[in-house]
Amino acid sequence: MKFKSMAVVAIVGLALAGCQGTGPKQTFGGLAGAVAGGAIGNQFGSGEGKAAATVAGALIGALAGSQIGQLLDERDRQLSYGAEQNALEYGRSGAPVSWRNPDSGRYGQVVPAQPRTVNNLTCRDYTHTIYIDGQPQTARGQACRQSDGTWRPVS
């Protein structure tokens, strides 16, 4: 059932990406939002209700992600990703790791929680706040360290 739900999220995400603007920022944000929204939506309901919640979450996530994504450039994404990896790998629990792009004026911070073990992987919850034109956009998630040393979001 979980595979089927995630397949739906992937299909919806790809379909929505085709509806996004032609810019790579919107497409990236829309896909990321669709996957995250679908994963969140999948936590609710059961049976057909669960599938509907997954699709609804993907739709809402794609919209929100594309709106944020269209405002972030490649350097913003590189800096935010670097801060995320650094916070998850080396950050003290509750201590923010900041990033700033002087060219775009965008900035943010990642605040990791205490590490814990989930399915034999080291995982951490985190909060990532990105400031766009001074307005905060906050996302919460969980990431687990992969065998190659990188951290991959799981929710």
Protein backbone atom coordinates (compact mmCIF):
# COMPACT_ATOMS: atom_id res chain seq x y z
CA MET A 1 0.00 0.00 0.00
CA LYS A 2 2.84 2.38 0.87
CA PHE A 3 4.50 1.78 -2.52
CA LYS A 4 1.20 2.46 -4.29
CA SER A 5 0.74 5.74 -2.41
CA MET A 6 4.28 6.88 -3.17
CA ALA A 7 3.80 5.97 -6.84
CA VAL A 8 0.72 8.20 -6.87
CA VAL A 9 2.78 11.02 -5.33
CA ALA A 10 5.48 10.59 -7.97
CA ILE A 11 2.96 10.62 -10.81
CA VAL A 12 1.13 13.65 -9.41
CA GLY A 13 4.44 15.41 -8.83
CA LEU A 14 5.60 14.82 -12.39
CA ALA A 15 2.24 15.86 -13.80
CA LEU A 16 2.28 19.04 -11.75
CA ALA A 17 5.85 19.77 -12.80
CA GLY A 18 4.58 19.91 -16.36
CA CYS A 19 2.13 22.61 -15.27
CA GLN A 20 4.80 24.73 -13.60
CA GLY A 21 6.45 27.73 -15.20
CA THR A 22 9.36 27.04 -17.47
CA GLY A 23 11.91 28.17 -14.89
CA PRO A 24 13.95 25.49 -13.10
CA LYS A 25 13.27 27.14 -9.74
CA GLN A 26 9.52 26.58 -10.04
CA THR A 27 9.91 23.01 -11.27
CA PHE A 28 12.35 22.13 -8.47
CA GLY A 29 10.13 23.69 -5.83
CA GLY A 30 7.00 22.13 -7.24
CA LEU A 31 8.46 18.63 -7.31
CA ALA A 32 9.94 18.94 -3.83
CA GLY A 33 6.67 20.32 -2.53
CA ALA A 34 4.65 17.56 -4.17
CA VAL A 35 6.78 14.83 -2.64
CA ALA A 36 6.79 16.42 0.82
CA GLY A 37 3.07 17.21 0.68
CA GLY A 38 2.25 13.71 -0.49
CA ALA A 39 4.30 12.16 2.30
CA ILE A 40 2.52 14.32 4.86
CA GLY A 41 -0.91 13.64 3.35
CA ASN A 42 -0.16 9.91 3.41
CA GLN A 43 -0.13 10.01 7.22
CA PHE A 44 -3.89 10.64 7.32
CA GLY A 45 -6.92 8.47 6.58
CA SER A 46 -7.09 4.85 5.55
CA GLY A 47 -8.02 2.99 2.38
CA GLU A 48 -9.36 5.33 -0.29
CA GLY A 49 -9.29 8.22 2.20
CA LYS A 50 -5.55 7.73 2.62
CA ALA A 51 -5.01 7.85 -1.15
CA ALA A 52 -7.11 11.02 -1.39
CA ALA A 53 -5.15 12.62 1.46
CA THR A 54 -1.89 11.69 -0.27
CA VAL A 55 -2.97 13.27 -3.56
CA ALA A 56 -4.35 16.36 -1.80
CA GLY A 57 -1.09 16.74 0.13
CA ALA A 58 0.89 16.44 -3.10
CA LEU A 59 -1.23 19.10 -4.78
CA ILE A 60 -0.95 21.54 -1.89
CA GLY A 61 2.77 20.85 -1.49
CA ALA A 62 3.43 21.38 -5.20
CA LEU A 63 1.69 24.73 -5.13
CA ALA A 64 3.52 25.93 -2.02
CA GLY A 65 6.84 24.50 -3.21
CA SER A 66 6.62 26.13 -6.62
CA GLN A 67 5.80 29.50 -5.06
CA ILE A 68 8.85 29.30 -2.80
CA GLY A 69 10.93 27.57 -5.47
CA GLN A 70 10.34 30.29 -8.03
CA LEU A 71 11.92 32.75 -5.61
CA LEU A 72 15.07 30.70 -4.90
CA ASP A 73 17.94 30.60 -7.32
CA GLU A 74 20.55 27.87 -7.70
CA ARG A 75 22.97 29.53 -5.26
CA ASP A 76 20.18 29.87 -2.66
CA ARG A 77 19.50 26.13 -2.96
CA GLN A 78 23.21 25.27 -2.72
CA LEU A 79 23.68 27.38 0.39
CA SER A 80 20.51 26.13 2.08
CA TYR A 81 21.37 22.50 1.28
CA GLY A 82 24.92 22.97 2.62
CA ALA A 83 23.58 24.45 5.86
CA GLU A 84 21.11 21.58 6.17
CA GLN A 85 23.82 18.95 5.73
CA ASN A 86 26.14 20.78 8.14
CA ALA A 87 23.44 21.20 10.79
CA LEU A 88 22.40 17.56 10.59
CA GLU A 89 25.95 16.19 10.65
CA TYR A 90 27.68 18.54 13.10
CA GLY A 91 25.06 20.84 14.66
CA ARG A 92 24.27 20.88 18.35
CA SER A 93 20.67 20.13 19.17
CA GLY A 94 18.69 23.39 19.15
CA ALA A 95 21.59 25.47 17.77
CA PRO A 96 20.83 27.21 14.44
CA VAL A 97 23.15 26.85 11.45
CA SER A 98 22.70 29.90 9.23
CA TRP A 99 23.21 30.58 5.55
CA ARG A 100 23.01 33.78 3.50
CA ASN A 101 23.21 34.59 -0.20
CA PRO A 102 24.51 38.17 -0.48
CA ASP A 103 23.59 38.29 -4.17
CA SER A 104 19.88 37.52 -3.73
CA GLY A 105 19.48 38.78 -0.17
CA ARG A 106 17.85 35.50 0.84
CA TYR A 107 18.94 33.74 4.00
CA GLY A 108 17.87 31.07 6.41
CA GLN A 109 18.70 28.79 9.25
CA VAL A 110 18.46 25.11 10.04
CA VAL A 111 17.88 23.97 13.63
CA PRO A 112 18.53 20.27 14.25
CA ALA A 113 17.08 18.22 17.10
CA GLN A 114 18.77 15.47 19.06
CA PRO A 115 19.98 12.52 16.93
CA ARG A 116 18.19 9.19 17.35
CA THR A 117 18.27 5.76 15.77
CA VAL A 118 15.45 4.71 13.44
CA ASN A 119 15.71 1.38 11.57
CA ASN A 120 19.48 1.27 12.23
CA LEU A 121 19.97 4.76 10.76
CA THR A 122 20.97 7.92 12.60
CA CYS A 123 18.10 10.37 12.12
CA ARG A 124 17.33 13.91 13.24
CA ASP A 125 14.27 16.10 13.16
CA TYR A 126 14.97 19.63 11.97
CA THR A 127 13.37 22.97 11.23
CA HIS A 128 14.50 24.96 8.18
CA THR A 129 13.40 28.56 7.91
CA ILE A 130 14.07 30.50 4.71
CA TYR A 131 13.58 34.26 4.64
CA ILE A 132 12.35 35.62 1.32
CA ASP A 133 11.98 39.40 1.24
CA GLY A 134 12.19 39.29 5.03
CA GLN A 135 9.22 36.90 5.32
CA PRO A 136 9.91 33.52 6.98
CA GLN A 137 8.93 30.28 5.24
CA THR A 138 9.35 27.39 7.69
CA ALA A 139 9.48 23.66 6.99
CA ARG A 140 9.89 20.85 9.48
CA GLY A 141 11.15 17.42 8.64
CA GLN A 142 13.24 14.45 9.54
CA ALA A 143 16.39 13.29 7.77
CA CYS A 144 18.50 10.16 8.14
CA ARG A 145 22.21 9.70 7.42
CA GLN A 146 22.77 7.48 4.40
CA SER A 147 25.63 5.03 3.91
CA ASP A 148 27.47 7.61 1.77
CA GLY A 149 27.42 10.12 4.67
CA THR A 150 24.77 12.44 3.24
CA TRP A 151 21.49 13.16 4.98
CA ARG A 152 18.26 12.44 3.14
CA PRO A 153 14.89 13.87 4.21
CA VAL A 154 12.38 11.15 5.05
CA SER A 155 9.45 13.37 6.00
